[in-house]
Every structure is written in structure tokens, then in C-alpha cells.
Protein backbone atom coordinates (compact mmCIF):
# COMPACT_ATOMS: atom_id res chain seq x y z
CA MET A 1 -22.80 -3.89 -4.09
CA THR A 2 -26.18 -3.30 -2.38
CA GLU A 3 -27.64 -5.18 0.57
CA SER A 4 -30.20 -6.93 -1.63
CA GLU A 5 -27.52 -8.06 -4.11
CA ILE A 6 -25.42 -9.51 -1.30
CA GLU A 7 -28.48 -11.25 0.13
CA LYS A 8 -29.25 -12.87 -3.23
CA SER A 9 -25.62 -13.95 -3.64
CA THR A 10 -25.62 -15.74 -0.31
CA GLU A 11 -28.91 -17.58 -0.79
CA GLY A 12 -28.68 -21.34 -1.18
CA GLY A 13 -25.82 -21.95 1.23
CA GLY A 14 -22.17 -21.21 0.76
CA GLY A 15 -20.57 -19.54 3.72
CA LYS A 16 -21.70 -22.15 6.27
CA GLY A 17 -19.08 -24.31 7.85
CA SER A 18 -16.25 -22.55 6.10
CA ARG A 19 -12.83 -23.65 7.24
CA GLY A 20 -11.12 -20.53 5.93
CA SER A 21 -9.53 -18.05 8.30
CA VAL A 22 -10.86 -14.56 7.77
CA ALA A 23 -9.01 -11.61 9.23
CA MET A 24 -10.98 -8.39 9.09
CA VAL A 25 -8.40 -5.61 9.09
CA ALA A 26 -9.65 -2.18 10.08
CA GLU A 27 -7.92 1.13 9.88
CA LYS A 28 -8.63 3.12 13.03
CA GLY A 29 -11.31 5.67 12.46
CA GLY A 30 -12.26 4.20 9.10
CA CYS A 31 -14.02 0.87 9.56
CA SER A 32 -17.41 -0.28 10.82
CA CYS A 33 -16.50 -3.92 11.38
CA GLY A 34 -15.53 -3.55 15.05
CA SER A 35 -17.86 -1.97 17.58
CA PHE A 36 -21.30 -2.30 16.02
CA ARG A 37 -22.52 -5.42 14.24
CA SER A 38 -25.38 -4.51 11.90
CA ARG A 39 -27.45 -6.68 9.57
CA SER A 40 -25.48 -5.21 6.65
CA ALA A 41 -22.20 -6.21 8.27
CA SER A 42 -23.47 -9.76 8.83
CA LEU A 43 -24.57 -10.00 5.20
CA LEU A 44 -21.18 -8.72 4.10
CA ASP A 45 -19.46 -11.41 6.17
CA SER A 46 -21.62 -14.07 4.51
CA TYR A 47 -20.87 -12.72 1.06
CA LEU A 48 -17.12 -12.60 1.69
CA ILE A 49 -17.09 -16.19 2.95
CA LEU A 50 -19.10 -17.24 -0.12
CA VAL A 51 -16.51 -15.60 -2.37
CA MET A 52 -13.76 -17.40 -0.46
CA GLU A 53 -15.43 -20.76 -1.00
CA LYS A 54 -15.86 -20.08 -4.72
CA GLN A 55 -12.12 -19.34 -4.88
CA GLY A 56 -11.29 -22.60 -3.10
CA CYS A 57 -10.47 -20.99 0.26
CA GLY A 58 -11.64 -22.88 3.31
CA SER A 59 -12.51 -26.00 1.31
CA GLY A 60 -9.32 -27.88 2.03
CA HIS A 61 -7.45 -26.73 -1.08
CA ASN A 62 -5.24 -24.22 0.69
CA ASP A 63 -5.05 -25.17 4.36
CA GLN A 64 -1.63 -23.55 4.71
CA LYS A 65 -2.82 -20.10 3.70
CA VAL A 66 -4.85 -17.37 5.37
CA LEU A 67 -6.94 -14.98 3.30
CA VAL A 68 -6.83 -11.44 4.71
CA LEU A 69 -9.79 -9.21 3.86
CA ALA A 70 -9.60 -5.47 4.53
CA ALA A 71 -12.71 -3.32 4.91
CA THR A 72 -13.33 0.40 5.24
CA ASN A 73 -16.31 2.73 5.21
CA THR A 74 -14.26 5.36 3.35
CA PRO A 75 -13.40 3.62 0.05
CA TYR A 76 -12.93 6.97 -1.67
CA ALA A 77 -9.83 7.51 0.47
CA LEU A 78 -8.16 4.27 -0.57
CA ASP A 79 -5.26 4.26 -2.99
CA GLN A 80 -2.72 1.73 -4.12
CA VAL A 81 0.06 2.17 -1.59
CA HIS A 82 2.49 -0.54 -2.61
CA LEU A 83 5.34 -0.06 -5.03
CA GLY A 84 4.01 -2.64 -7.48
CA ASP A 85 6.44 -3.21 -10.36
CA THR A 86 8.33 0.04 -9.74
CA PRO A 87 12.08 -0.75 -9.75
CA ASN A 88 13.59 -0.59 -6.27
CA ASN A 89 16.48 -2.04 -4.32
CA LEU A 90 14.70 -2.30 -0.96
CA THR A 91 15.49 -5.30 1.22
CA GLU A 92 13.37 -7.02 3.84
CA LYS A 93 15.30 -5.11 6.52
CA ASP A 94 14.54 -1.84 4.72
CA PHE A 95 10.81 -2.58 4.83
CA GLU A 96 11.05 -3.42 8.54
CA TYR A 97 12.88 -0.16 9.13
CA LEU A 98 10.27 1.81 7.17
CA ALA A 99 7.50 0.12 9.17
CA SER A 100 9.10 1.42 12.38
CA ARG A 101 9.48 4.89 10.86
CA THR A 102 5.79 5.05 9.96
CA ASP A 103 4.47 4.12 13.40
CA GLY A 104 1.17 5.95 13.89
CA PHE A 105 0.64 6.57 10.17
CA SER A 106 -2.79 5.82 8.74
CA GLY A 107 -3.27 3.97 5.47
CA SER A 108 -3.89 7.31 3.79
CA ASP A 109 -0.67 8.75 5.25
CA ILE A 110 1.35 5.84 3.87
CA SER A 111 -0.36 6.23 0.49
CA VAL A 112 0.69 9.89 0.35
CA CYS A 113 4.23 8.94 1.38
CA VAL A 114 4.61 6.27 -1.30
CA LYS A 115 3.17 8.52 -4.00
CA ASP A 116 5.75 11.17 -3.08
CA VAL A 117 8.54 8.58 -3.07
CA LEU A 118 7.55 7.43 -6.57
CA PHE A 119 8.50 10.88 -7.85
CA GLU A 120 11.97 10.86 -6.27
CA PRO A 121 13.64 9.00 -9.21
CA VAL A 122 12.05 11.52 -11.58
CA ARG A 123 13.37 14.43 -9.51
CA LYS A 124 16.85 12.87 -9.46
CA THR A 125 16.76 12.48 -13.24
CA GLN A 126 15.64 16.08 -13.76
CA ASP A 127 18.35 17.46 -11.46
CA ALA A 128 21.17 15.11 -12.51
CA MET A 129 24.36 16.62 -13.94
CA TYR A 130 25.94 13.27 -14.77
CA PHE A 131 24.68 10.19 -16.61
CA TYR A 132 26.25 6.89 -17.56
CA LYS A 133 25.31 4.59 -20.42
CA SER A 134 24.29 1.07 -19.42
CA PRO A 135 25.22 -2.00 -21.53
CA ASP A 136 21.73 -2.04 -23.02
CA GLY A 137 22.04 1.56 -24.21
CA MET A 138 20.02 3.30 -21.46
CA TRP A 139 21.19 6.57 -19.91
CA ILE A 140 20.97 6.51 -16.11
CA PRO A 141 21.59 9.49 -13.78
CA CYS A 142 24.56 9.13 -11.47
CA GLY A 143 27.25 10.96 -9.52
CA PRO A 144 30.53 12.24 -10.95
CA LYS A 145 32.48 9.30 -9.45
CA GLN A 146 30.42 6.67 -11.23
CA PRO A 147 32.60 4.74 -13.72
CA GLY A 148 31.72 5.90 -17.21
CA ALA A 149 29.93 9.03 -15.95
CA ILE A 150 29.46 11.77 -18.55
CA GLN A 151 28.65 15.35 -17.63
CA THR A 152 25.33 16.07 -19.30
CA THR A 153 21.70 16.73 -18.40
CA MET A 154 18.35 15.24 -19.20
CA GLN A 155 17.61 18.22 -21.45
CA ASP A 156 20.88 17.74 -23.37
CA LEU A 157 20.13 14.05 -23.93
CA ALA A 158 16.59 14.84 -25.04
CA SER A 159 17.86 17.43 -27.54
CA LYS A 160 19.96 14.66 -29.09
CA GLY A 161 16.90 12.46 -29.56
CA LEU A 162 17.74 10.23 -26.59
CA ALA A 163 14.72 11.05 -24.40
CA SER A 164 13.35 7.51 -24.75
CA LYS A 165 16.71 6.12 -23.62
CA ILE A 166 16.73 7.94 -20.26
CA LEU A 167 16.06 5.58 -17.36
CA PRO A 168 15.34 6.93 -13.85
CA PRO A 169 17.21 5.15 -11.03
CA PRO A 170 15.45 2.58 -8.81
CA ILE A 171 13.78 3.66 -5.59
CA THR A 172 16.00 3.41 -2.53
CA ARG A 173 15.58 3.55 1.23
CA THR A 174 17.12 7.03 1.11
CA ASP A 175 14.18 8.19 -1.03
CA PHE A 176 11.78 7.11 1.71
CA GLU A 177 13.89 8.75 4.41
CA LYS A 178 13.89 12.02 2.46
CA VAL A 179 10.10 12.01 2.19
CA LEU A 180 9.51 10.89 5.78
CA ALA A 181 11.71 13.72 7.04
CA ARG A 182 9.02 16.16 5.93
CA GLN A 183 5.89 14.09 6.56
CA ARG A 184 4.01 13.57 9.81
CA PRO A 185 1.01 11.37 10.75
CA THR A 186 -2.34 13.09 10.23
CA VAL A 187 -3.90 11.19 13.14
CA SER A 188 -2.54 12.41 16.46
CA LYS A 189 -1.84 10.25 19.49
CA ALA A 190 -4.62 12.14 21.29
CA ASP A 191 -7.11 10.99 18.64
CA LEU A 192 -5.95 7.38 19.04
CA ASP A 193 -6.25 7.65 22.84
CA VAL A 194 -9.89 8.77 22.46
CA HIS A 195 -10.59 5.76 20.23
CA GLU A 196 -8.92 3.37 22.68
CA ARG A 197 -10.85 4.81 25.65
CA PHE A 198 -14.11 4.40 23.74
CA THR A 199 -13.27 0.78 22.94
CA LYS A 200 -12.39 0.03 26.58
CA GLU A 201 -15.63 1.62 27.80
CA PHE A 202 -18.07 0.14 25.31
CA GLY A 203 -16.20 -2.91 23.98
CA GLU A 204 -17.01 -4.79 20.81
CA GLU A 205 -20.69 -5.09 21.64
CA GLY A 206 -21.13 -1.31 22.00
């Protein structure tokens, strides 16, 4: 959306006196909403608050909720980094553990990690030497000690016309650990130190 389009959208009020809580989340090195406040940034703030009000945020309808808005000046680098509807057996503790394991990772780093993890069930299925048949007729890769395990491969099942009945296993914490063992943050601590020194020297007002 251009500056002029935002300006037209915010004309006639809306955005004044909003009770909503707006949290501008910036990825280090990739956001312009911190040090320098430009006219464009102010217009963007007004537009975002207007959108919030149109959605009922800040107007007393949802006083118990906070709307978090994330901004970046490198939208081409953004990807969907959550698992979405992908089957997984991760618990809340697993997510907390993974958060500690990805300390120092940028949003892009985490995106790459998750994309790699999404392929782990496929790799397991391709390499599996044993499968078991679930009650609903799906063939799931497993180990030799799994009750009902049959020694076969994905290729053998496919040759029998059962390719559509092969179901990759859900994502596990072990899948993340396997990927994280070979992945490192692309932003070094030295780079973060430079950013922090700049912020301390110039502050939010620049």
C-alpha cells in the first residue's frame, strides 16, 4: 500500500483515542519502526490503528486481548514459520525447549529450520524398512519393535497400489533437534553487539 493510499484511508478520523494495545515487533536488522520516526511510519501507525478499530479492537469489544502487529522492511524475506495444520506431537514444554535452543536465531533462520523439519517425516517414510497398518487402513512407517510392524518399504507399498495409503509420521521434538544440530544463527553476536551499541548511543530519537 502506498503513502497516499494510507493517507486516504485514515482521513475522517479513526485511529484517534484508540484503546487498543499495539505492540510493534521488530526483528533486529530488519525493521524501521525503532530508531527513526518518519512521516511514512506515522501514517502506517494511523492506518494500523484504523484497521484495528474496524475489526473491533480498542473499542471495548475485546478489552482482554492485545493485538500484536509485526513490521519489517524486508517483506520478501518473510515466510510462514509455524507448523500450521501439520501433524505433530509437540507439547508446550517442547516449544519452550525449542525457544531456548534457537536463542539468537532471526525470523529467517527459524523459517529455514521449520521448513527443513517439515521434510523430516518424508525422509523417515522414504528410508523406513518397516510399516504398520493403522485401524483406518493407513500405512505408517515404524521401527521393527512396533506391534504389527511389517518389513516392507514405501516403494513396495506403492507398487501394490497403496501409495495413497502411506501416511508420514507426525513431527516430533527429535526432528527439530536433528535439524538444529546442523544449523547455526546467521546473525552473529558481534552483529547484535554493534546494533545494541548504536541504540545506546543514539537512542530511539536517533
